[in-house]
Amino acid sequence: VCMTMGTAMTMTSLAEVLGLTLPGATSIPAPDSRHARMA
């Protein structure tokens, strides 16, 4: 998604704050291998 603090990163970040994602999940860049491990 857009790598600025647009709606996409705002809402995924807030999903993490709400407790609906694994901790640290939202900031991992999509192409990073750590993203696949998080999935």
PDB file of all heavy atoms in Angstrom:
ATOM      1  N   VAL A   1       0.834  -1.197   0.000  1.00  0.00           N
ATOM      2  CA  VAL A   1       0.000   0.000   0.000  1.00  0.00           C
ATOM      3  C   VAL A   1       0.870   1.249   0.000  1.00  0.00           C
ATOM      4  O   VAL A   1       2.086   1.179   0.142  1.00  0.00           O
ATOM      5  CB  VAL A   1      -0.957  -0.003   1.209  1.00  0.00           C
ATOM      6  CG1 VAL A   1      -1.840  -1.232   1.201  1.00  0.00           C
ATOM      7  CG2 VAL A   1      -0.175   0.095   2.525  1.00  0.00           C
ATOM      8  N   CYS A   2       0.251   2.401  -0.134  1.00  0.00           N
ATOM      9  CA  CYS A   2       0.983   3.672  -0.126  1.00  0.00           C
ATOM     10  C   CYS A   2       1.878   3.755   1.109  1.00  0.00           C
ATOM     11  O   CYS A   2       1.427   3.505   2.231  1.00  0.00           O
ATOM     12  CB  CYS A   2       0.013   4.847  -0.140  1.00  0.00           C
ATOM     13  SG  CYS A   2      -0.886   5.037  -1.685  1.00  0.00           S
ATOM     14  N   MET A   3       3.141   4.123   0.884  1.00  0.00           N
ATOM     15  CA  MET A   3       4.126   4.122   1.964  1.00  0.00           C
ATOM     16  C   MET A   3       4.194   5.448   2.704  1.00  0.00           C
ATOM     17  O   MET A   3       5.130   5.713   3.462  1.00  0.00           O
ATOM     18  CB  MET A   3       5.500   3.724   1.434  1.00  0.00           C
ATOM     19  CG  MET A   3       6.187   4.727   0.518  1.00  0.00           C
ATOM     20  SD  MET A   3       5.230   5.229  -0.923  1.00  0.00           S
ATOM     21  CE  MET A   3       6.367   4.897  -2.250  1.00  0.00           C
ATOM     22  N   THR A   4       3.191   6.271   2.488  1.00  0.00           N
ATOM     23  CA  THR A   4       2.998   7.479   3.276  1.00  0.00           C
ATOM     24  C   THR A   4       1.955   7.188   4.365  1.00  0.00           C
ATOM     25  O   THR A   4       1.361   6.123   4.393  1.00  0.00           O
ATOM     26  CB  THR A   4       2.515   8.610   2.362  1.00  0.00           C
ATOM     27  OG1 THR A   4       1.387   8.137   1.614  1.00  0.00           O
ATOM     28  CG2 THR A   4       3.610   9.042   1.396  1.00  0.00           C
ATOM     29  N   MET A   5       1.740   8.154   5.256  1.00  0.00           N
ATOM     30  CA  MET A   5       0.707   7.960   6.278  1.00  0.00           C
ATOM     31  C   MET A   5      -0.644   8.372   5.712  1.00  0.00           C
ATOM     32  O   MET A   5      -1.310   9.288   6.180  1.00  0.00           O
ATOM     33  CB  MET A   5       1.054   8.749   7.547  1.00  0.00           C
ATOM     34  CG  MET A   5       0.204   8.378   8.763  1.00  0.00           C
ATOM     35  SD  MET A   5       0.084   6.617   9.117  1.00  0.00           S
ATOM     36  CE  MET A   5       1.758   6.251   9.645  1.00  0.00           C
ATOM     37  N   GLY A   6      -1.019   7.659   4.635  1.00  0.00           N
ATOM     38  CA  GLY A   6      -2.325   7.851   4.033  1.00  0.00           C
ATOM     39  C   GLY A   6      -3.361   7.002   4.749  1.00  0.00           C
ATOM     40  O   GLY A   6      -3.122   6.451   5.827  1.00  0.00           O
ATOM     41  N   THR A   7      -4.498   6.826   4.113  1.00  0.00           N
ATOM     42  CA  THR A   7      -5.570   6.066   4.746  1.00  0.00           C
ATOM     43  C   THR A   7      -5.175   4.605   4.948  1.00  0.00           C
ATOM     44  O   THR A   7      -5.496   4.009   5.984  1.00  0.00           O
ATOM     45  CB  THR A   7      -6.848   6.148   3.898  1.00  0.00           C
ATOM     46  OG1 THR A   7      -7.207   7.530   3.728  1.00  0.00           O
ATOM     47  CG2 THR A   7      -7.995   5.426   4.577  1.00  0.00           C
ATOM     48  N   ALA A   8      -4.479   4.020   3.976  1.00  0.00           N
ATOM     49  CA  ALA A   8      -4.119   2.609   4.088  1.00  0.00           C
ATOM     50  C   ALA A   8      -3.256   2.354   5.316  1.00  0.00           C
ATOM     51  O   ALA A   8      -3.566   1.484   6.149  1.00  0.00           O
ATOM     52  CB  ALA A   8      -3.395   2.155   2.824  1.00  0.00           C
ATOM     53  N   MET A   9      -2.155   3.096   5.465  1.00  0.00           N
ATOM     54  CA  MET A   9      -1.264   2.858   6.603  1.00  0.00           C
ATOM     55  C   MET A   9      -1.881   3.354   7.904  1.00  0.00           C
ATOM     56  O   MET A   9      -1.620   2.785   8.973  1.00  0.00           O
ATOM     57  CB  MET A   9       0.092   3.508   6.368  1.00  0.00           C
ATOM     58  CG  MET A   9       1.003   2.742   5.436  1.00  0.00           C
ATOM     59  SD  MET A   9       1.150   0.949   5.771  1.00  0.00           S
ATOM     60  CE  MET A   9       1.573   0.918   7.510  1.00  0.00           C
ATOM     61  N   THR A  10      -2.709   4.376   7.843  1.00  0.00           N
ATOM     62  CA  THR A  10      -3.407   4.806   9.047  1.00  0.00           C
ATOM     63  C   THR A  10      -4.307   3.693   9.565  1.00  0.00           C
ATOM     64  O   THR A  10      -4.263   3.323  10.742  1.00  0.00           O
ATOM     65  CB  THR A  10      -4.250   6.065   8.781  1.00  0.00           C
ATOM     66  OG1 THR A  10      -3.397   7.139   8.364  1.00  0.00           O
ATOM     67  CG2 THR A  10      -5.005   6.495  10.036  1.00  0.00           C
ATOM     68  N   MET A  11      -5.121   3.123   8.685  1.00  0.00           N
ATOM     69  CA  MET A  11      -6.102   2.140   9.134  1.00  0.00           C
ATOM     70  C   MET A  11      -5.455   0.819   9.539  1.00  0.00           C
ATOM     71  O   MET A  11      -5.898   0.186  10.505  1.00  0.00           O
ATOM     72  CB  MET A  11      -7.153   1.900   8.049  1.00  0.00           C
ATOM     73  CG  MET A  11      -8.081   3.094   7.806  1.00  0.00           C
ATOM     74  SD  MET A  11      -8.783   3.802   9.320  1.00  0.00           S
ATOM     75  CE  MET A  11      -9.611   2.392  10.043  1.00  0.00           C
ATOM     76  N   THR A  12      -4.419   0.373   8.839  1.00  0.00           N
ATOM     77  CA  THR A  12      -3.767  -0.861   9.275  1.00  0.00           C
ATOM     78  C   THR A  12      -3.041  -0.640  10.598  1.00  0.00           C
ATOM     79  O   THR A  12      -3.037  -1.520  11.468  1.00  0.00           O
ATOM     80  CB  THR A  12      -2.808  -1.409   8.208  1.00  0.00           C
ATOM     81  OG1 THR A  12      -1.877  -0.397   7.827  1.00  0.00           O
ATOM     82  CG2 THR A  12      -3.572  -1.887   6.989  1.00  0.00           C
ATOM     83  N   SER A  13      -2.460   0.539  10.780  1.00  0.00           N
ATOM     84  CA  SER A  13      -1.820   0.847  12.058  1.00  0.00           C
ATOM     85  C   SER A  13      -2.841   0.846  13.188  1.00  0.00           C
ATOM     86  O   SER A  13      -2.586   0.320  14.282  1.00  0.00           O
ATOM     87  CB  SER A  13      -1.110   2.209  11.991  1.00  0.00           C
ATOM     88  OG  SER A  13      -0.064   2.203  11.050  1.00  0.00           O
ATOM     89  N   LEU A  14      -4.004   1.408  12.939  1.00  0.00           N
ATOM     90  CA  LEU A  14      -5.026   1.465  13.976  1.00  0.00           C
ATOM     91  C   LEU A  14      -5.621   0.082  14.235  1.00  0.00           C
ATOM     92  O   LEU A  14      -6.030  -0.213  15.361  1.00  0.00           O
ATOM     93  CB  LEU A  14      -6.120   2.464  13.590  1.00  0.00           C
ATOM     94  CG  LEU A  14      -5.639   3.910  13.402  1.00  0.00           C
ATOM     95  CD1 LEU A  14      -6.815   4.851  13.200  1.00  0.00           C
ATOM     96  CD2 LEU A  14      -4.763   4.382  14.543  1.00  0.00           C
ATOM     97  N   ALA A  15      -5.651  -0.778  13.219  1.00  0.00           N
ATOM     98  CA  ALA A  15      -6.076  -2.161  13.450  1.00  0.00           C
ATOM     99  C   ALA A  15      -5.136  -2.835  14.446  1.00  0.00           C
ATOM    100  O   ALA A  15      -5.571  -3.602  15.315  1.00  0.00           O
ATOM    101  CB  ALA A  15      -6.104  -2.935  12.135  1.00  0.00           C
ATOM    102  N   GLU A  16      -3.844  -2.535  14.348  1.00  0.00           N
ATOM    103  CA  GLU A  16      -2.888  -3.086  15.312  1.00  0.00           C
ATOM    104  C   GLU A  16      -3.097  -2.487  16.701  1.00  0.00           C
ATOM    105  O   GLU A  16      -3.068  -3.215  17.702  1.00  0.00           O
ATOM    106  CB  GLU A  16      -1.460  -2.841  14.839  1.00  0.00           C
ATOM    107  CG  GLU A  16      -0.408  -3.449  15.759  1.00  0.00           C
ATOM    108  CD  GLU A  16       0.992  -3.390  15.197  1.00  0.00           C
ATOM    109  OE1 GLU A  16       1.163  -3.396  13.958  1.00  0.00           O
ATOM    110  OE2 GLU A  16       1.949  -3.342  16.006  1.00  0.00           O
ATOM    111  N   VAL A  17      -3.329  -1.196  16.781  1.00  0.00           N
ATOM    112  CA  VAL A  17      -3.594  -0.562  18.077  1.00  0.00           C
ATOM    113  C   VAL A  17      -4.855  -1.156  18.706  1.00  0.00           C
ATOM    114  O   VAL A  17      -4.913  -1.370  19.924  1.00  0.00           O
ATOM    115  CB  VAL A  17      -3.730   0.967  17.926  1.00  0.00           C
ATOM    116  CG1 VAL A  17      -4.094   1.611  19.257  1.00  0.00           C
ATOM    117  CG2 VAL A  17      -2.429   1.568  17.400  1.00  0.00           C
ATOM    118  N   LEU A  18      -5.842  -1.444  17.895  1.00  0.00           N
ATOM    119  CA  LEU A  18      -7.086  -2.049  18.395  1.00  0.00           C
ATOM    120  C   LEU A  18      -6.889  -3.488  18.868  1.00  0.00           C
ATOM    121  O   LEU A  18      -7.783  -4.060  19.493  1.00  0.00           O
ATOM    122  CB  LEU A  18      -8.157  -2.021  17.301  1.00  0.00           C
ATOM    123  CG  LEU A  18      -8.763  -0.656  16.974  1.00  0.00           C
ATOM    124  CD1 LEU A  18      -9.577  -0.736  15.686  1.00  0.00           C
ATOM    125  CD2 LEU A  18      -9.622  -0.139  18.113  1.00  0.00           C
ATOM    126  N   GLY A  19      -5.741  -4.059  18.569  1.00  0.00           N
ATOM    127  CA  GLY A  19      -5.457  -5.416  19.020  1.00  0.00           C
ATOM    128  C   GLY A  19      -5.853  -6.490  18.048  1.00  0.00           C
ATOM    129  O   GLY A  19      -5.908  -7.666  18.410  1.00  0.00           O
ATOM    130  N   LEU A  20      -6.100  -6.142  16.769  1.00  0.00           N
ATOM    131  CA  LEU A  20      -6.628  -7.096  15.801  1.00  0.00           C
ATOM    132  C   LEU A  20      -5.565  -7.714  14.910  1.00  0.00           C
ATOM    133  O   LEU A  20      -5.882  -8.545  14.053  1.00  0.00           O
ATOM    134  CB  LEU A  20      -7.704  -6.418  14.946  1.00  0.00           C
ATOM    135  CG  LEU A  20      -8.911  -5.883  15.730  1.00  0.00           C
ATOM    136  CD1 LEU A  20      -9.862  -5.150  14.795  1.00  0.00           C
ATOM    137  CD2 LEU A  20      -9.633  -7.001  16.463  1.00  0.00           C
ATOM    138  N   THR A  21      -4.286  -7.304  15.071  1.00  0.00           N
ATOM    139  CA  THR A  21      -3.184  -7.909  14.314  1.00  0.00           C
ATOM    140  C   THR A  21      -2.124  -8.402  15.288  1.00  0.00           C
ATOM    141  O   THR A  21      -2.099  -8.011  16.460  1.00  0.00           O
ATOM    142  CB  THR A  21      -2.503  -6.902  13.363  1.00  0.00           C
ATOM    143  OG1 THR A  21      -1.617  -6.050  14.113  1.00  0.00           O
ATOM    144  CG2 THR A  21      -3.520  -6.040  12.638  1.00  0.00           C
ATOM    145  N   LEU A  22      -1.242  -9.222  14.788  1.00  0.00           N
ATOM    146  CA  LEU A  22      -0.077  -9.566  15.590  1.00  0.00           C
ATOM    147  C   LEU A  22       0.758  -8.311  15.825  1.00  0.00           C
ATOM    148  O   LEU A  22       0.800  -7.413  14.970  1.00  0.00           O
ATOM    149  CB  LEU A  22       0.768 -10.624  14.882  1.00  0.00           C
ATOM    150  CG  LEU A  22       0.141 -12.018  14.747  1.00  0.00           C
ATOM    151  CD1 LEU A  22       1.082 -12.932  13.984  1.00  0.00           C
ATOM    152  CD2 LEU A  22      -0.199 -12.613  16.109  1.00  0.00           C
ATOM    153  N   PRO A  23       1.436  -8.184  16.981  1.00  0.00           N
ATOM    154  CA  PRO A  23       2.209  -6.970  17.261  1.00  0.00           C
ATOM    155  C   PRO A  23       3.325  -6.780  16.237  1.00  0.00           C
ATOM    156  O   PRO A  23       4.030  -7.732  15.884  1.00  0.00           O
ATOM    157  CB  PRO A  23       2.765  -7.220  18.666  1.00  0.00           C
ATOM    158  CG  PRO A  23       2.620  -8.681  18.903  1.00  0.00           C
ATOM    159  CD  PRO A  23       1.455  -9.126  18.112  1.00  0.00           C
ATOM    160  N   GLY A  24       3.429  -5.540  15.735  1.00  0.00           N
ATOM    161  CA  GLY A  24       4.466  -5.211  14.764  1.00  0.00           C
ATOM    162  C   GLY A  24       4.130  -5.566  13.338  1.00  0.00           C
ATOM    163  O   GLY A  24       4.923  -5.306  12.427  1.00  0.00           O
ATOM    164  N   ALA A  25       2.935  -6.119  13.100  1.00  0.00           N
ATOM    165  CA  ALA A  25       2.612  -6.631  11.764  1.00  0.00           C
ATOM    166  C   ALA A  25       2.459  -5.535  10.722  1.00  0.00           C
ATOM    167  O   ALA A  25       2.803  -5.734   9.550  1.00  0.00           O
ATOM    168  CB  ALA A  25       1.328  -7.461  11.830  1.00  0.00           C
ATOM    169  N   THR A  26       1.944  -4.382  11.103  1.00  0.00           N
ATOM    170  CA  THR A  26       1.508  -3.420  10.083  1.00  0.00           C
ATOM    171  C   THR A  26       2.650  -2.657   9.427  1.00  0.00           C
ATOM    172  O   THR A  26       2.497  -2.161   8.320  1.00  0.00           O
ATOM    173  CB  THR A  26       0.533  -2.394  10.696  1.00  0.00           C
ATOM    174  OG1 THR A  26       1.188  -1.689  11.745  1.00  0.00           O
ATOM    175  CG2 THR A  26      -0.697  -3.059  11.237  1.00  0.00           C
ATOM    176  N   SER A  27       3.786  -2.541  10.086  1.00  0.00           N
ATOM    177  CA  SER A  27       4.852  -1.691   9.555  1.00  0.00           C
ATOM    178  C   SER A  27       5.781  -2.420   8.601  1.00  0.00           C
ATOM    179  O   SER A  27       6.584  -1.784   7.912  1.00  0.00           O
ATOM    180  CB  SER A  27       5.681  -1.118  10.713  1.00  0.00           C
ATOM    181  OG  SER A  27       4.860  -0.494  11.679  1.00  0.00           O
ATOM    182  N   ILE A  28       5.725  -3.739   8.532  1.00  0.00           N
ATOM    183  CA  ILE A  28       6.671  -4.512   7.720  1.00  0.00           C
ATOM    184  C   ILE A  28       6.428  -4.219   6.241  1.00  0.00           C
ATOM    185  O   ILE A  28       5.310  -4.386   5.747  1.00  0.00           O
ATOM    186  CB  ILE A  28       6.511  -6.018   7.965  1.00  0.00           C
ATOM    187  CG1 ILE A  28       6.575  -6.356   9.451  1.00  0.00           C
ATOM    188  CG2 ILE A  28       7.585  -6.796   7.198  1.00  0.00           C
ATOM    189  CD1 ILE A  28       6.195  -7.792   9.773  1.00  0.00           C
ATOM    190  N   PRO A  29       7.443  -3.801   5.479  1.00  0.00           N
ATOM    191  CA  PRO A  29       7.243  -3.589   4.045  1.00  0.00           C
ATOM    192  C   PRO A  29       6.771  -4.857   3.357  1.00  0.00           C
ATOM    193  O   PRO A  29       7.218  -5.972   3.668  1.00  0.00           O
ATOM    194  CB  PRO A  29       8.642  -3.173   3.556  1.00  0.00           C
ATOM    195  CG  PRO A  29       9.301  -2.571   4.762  1.00  0.00           C
ATOM    196  CD  PRO A  29       8.800  -3.389   5.924  1.00  0.00           C
ATOM    197  N   ALA A  30       5.863  -4.699   2.413  1.00  0.00           N
ATOM    198  CA  ALA A  30       5.251  -5.854   1.748  1.00  0.00           C
ATOM    199  C   ALA A  30       6.275  -6.793   1.106  1.00  0.00           C
ATOM    200  O   ALA A  30       6.094  -8.017   1.173  1.00  0.00           O
ATOM    201  CB  ALA A  30       4.240  -5.370   0.708  1.00  0.00           C
ATOM    202  N   PRO A  31       7.362  -6.310   0.472  1.00  0.00           N
ATOM    203  CA  PRO A  31       8.294  -7.241  -0.171  1.00  0.00           C
ATOM    204  C   PRO A  31       9.282  -7.901   0.798  1.00  0.00           C
ATOM    205  O   PRO A  31      10.033  -8.794   0.377  1.00  0.00           O
ATOM    206  CB  PRO A  31       9.070  -6.343  -1.162  1.00  0.00           C
ATOM    207  CG  PRO A  31       8.313  -5.059  -1.222  1.00  0.00           C
ATOM    208  CD  PRO A  31       7.655  -4.915   0.099  1.00  0.00           C
ATOM    209  N   ASP A  32       9.311  -7.490   2.043  1.00  0.00           N
ATOM    210  CA  ASP A  32      10.264  -8.011   3.027  1.00  0.00           C
ATOM    211  C   ASP A  32       9.905  -9.452   3.381  1.00  0.00           C
ATOM    212  O   ASP A  32       8.728  -9.774   3.600  1.00  0.00           O
ATOM    213  CB  ASP A  32      10.213  -7.122   4.277  1.00  0.00           C
ATOM    214  CG  ASP A  32      11.388  -7.326   5.214  1.00  0.00           C
ATOM    215  OD1 ASP A  32      11.637  -8.484   5.599  1.00  0.00           O
ATOM    216  OD2 ASP A  32      12.042  -6.333   5.580  1.00  0.00           O
ATOM    217  N   SER A  33      10.895 -10.332   3.476  1.00  0.00           N
ATOM    218  CA  SER A  33      10.618 -11.729   3.820  1.00  0.00           C
ATOM    219  C   SER A  33       9.961 -11.855   5.182  1.00  0.00           C
ATOM    220  O   SER A  33       9.240 -12.823   5.449  1.00  0.00           O
ATOM    221  CB  SER A  33      11.906 -12.550   3.781  1.00  0.00           C
ATOM    222  OG  SER A  33      12.834 -12.100   4.765  1.00  0.00           O
ATOM    223  N   ARG A  34      10.176 -10.874   6.037  1.00  0.00           N
ATOM    224  CA  ARG A  34       9.538 -10.903   7.350  1.00  0.00           C
ATOM    225  C   ARG A  34       8.021 -10.767   7.239  1.00  0.00           C
ATOM    226  O   ARG A  34       7.286 -11.187   8.131  1.00  0.00           O
ATOM    227  CB  ARG A  34      10.135  -9.808   8.246  1.00  0.00           C
ATOM    228  CG  ARG A  34      11.542 -10.140   8.734  1.00  0.00           C
ATOM    229  CD  ARG A  34      12.237  -8.959   9.360  1.00  0.00           C
ATOM    230  NE  ARG A  34      12.725  -8.020   8.352  1.00  0.00           N
ATOM    231  CZ  ARG A  34      13.651  -7.079   8.576  1.00  0.00           C
ATOM    232  NH1 ARG A  34      14.173  -6.949   9.794  1.00  0.00           N
ATOM    233  NH2 ARG A  34      14.054  -6.268   7.620  1.00  0.00           N
ATOM    234  N   HIS A  35       7.558 -10.181   6.151  1.00  0.00           N
ATOM    235  CA  HIS A  35       6.122 -10.066   5.941  1.00  0.00           C
ATOM    236  C   HIS A  35       5.506 -11.446   5.706  1.00  0.00           C
ATOM    237  O   HIS A  35       4.441 -11.769   6.248  1.00  0.00           O
ATOM    238  CB  HIS A  35       5.818  -9.142   4.764  1.00  0.00           C
ATOM    239  CG  HIS A  35       4.390  -8.719   4.676  1.00  0.00           C
ATOM    240  ND1 HIS A  35       3.448  -9.461   3.996  1.00  0.00           N
ATOM    241  CD2 HIS A  35       3.723  -7.660   5.199  1.00  0.00           C
ATOM    242  CE1 HIS A  35       2.270  -8.865   4.095  1.00  0.00           C
ATOM    243  NE2 HIS A  35       2.406  -7.770   4.818  1.00  0.00           N
ATOM    244  N   ALA A  36       6.176 -12.276   4.917  1.00  0.00           N
ATOM    245  CA  ALA A  36       5.675 -13.631   4.681  1.00  0.00           C
ATOM    246  C   ALA A  36       5.689 -14.444   5.972  1.00  0.00           C
ATOM    247  O   ALA A  36       4.762 -15.231   6.231  1.00  0.00           O
ATOM    248  CB  ALA A  36       6.524 -14.319   3.613  1.00  0.00           C
ATOM    249  N   ARG A  37       6.708 -14.266   6.785  1.00  0.00           N
ATOM    250  CA  ARG A  37       6.762 -15.001   8.044  1.00  0.00           C
ATOM    251  C   ARG A  37       5.662 -14.541   8.992  1.00  0.00           C
ATOM    252  O   ARG A  37       5.089 -15.336   9.740  1.00  0.00           O
ATOM    253  CB  ARG A  37       8.148 -14.854   8.681  1.00  0.00           C
ATOM    254  CG  ARG A  37       9.251 -15.473   7.825  1.00  0.00           C
ATOM    255  CD  ARG A  37      10.527 -15.727   8.625  1.00  0.00           C
ATOM    256  NE  ARG A  37      11.192 -14.509   9.065  1.00  0.00           N
ATOM    257  CZ  ARG A  37      12.068 -13.822   8.327  1.00  0.00           C
ATOM    258  NH1 ARG A  37      12.369 -14.238   7.099  1.00  0.00           N
ATOM    259  NH2 ARG A  37      12.656 -12.751   8.802  1.00  0.00           N
ATOM    260  N   MET A  38       5.356 -13.240   8.961  1.00  0.00           N
ATOM    261  CA  MET A  38       4.244 -12.720   9.761  1.00  0.00           C
ATOM    262  C   MET A  38       2.919 -13.334   9.310  1.00  0.00           C
ATOM    263  O   MET A  38       2.055 -13.677  10.126  1.00  0.00           O
ATOM    264  CB  MET A  38       4.185 -11.192   9.644  1.00  0.00           C
ATOM    265  CG  MET A  38       3.011 -10.517  10.344  1.00  0.00           C
ATOM    266  SD  MET A  38       1.504 -10.409   9.317  1.00  0.00           S
ATOM    267  CE  MET A  38       2.050  -9.269   8.050  1.00  0.00           C
ATOM    268  N   ALA A  39       2.754 -13.494   7.988  1.00  0.00           N
ATOM    269  CA  ALA A  39       1.519 -14.087   7.461  1.00  0.00           C
ATOM    270  C   ALA A  39       1.358 -15.520   7.968  1.00  0.00           C
ATOM    271  O   ALA A  39       0.256 -15.933   8.357  1.00  0.00           O
ATOM    272  CB  ALA A  39       1.532 -14.050   5.937  1.00  0.00           C
TER     273      ALA A  39
END
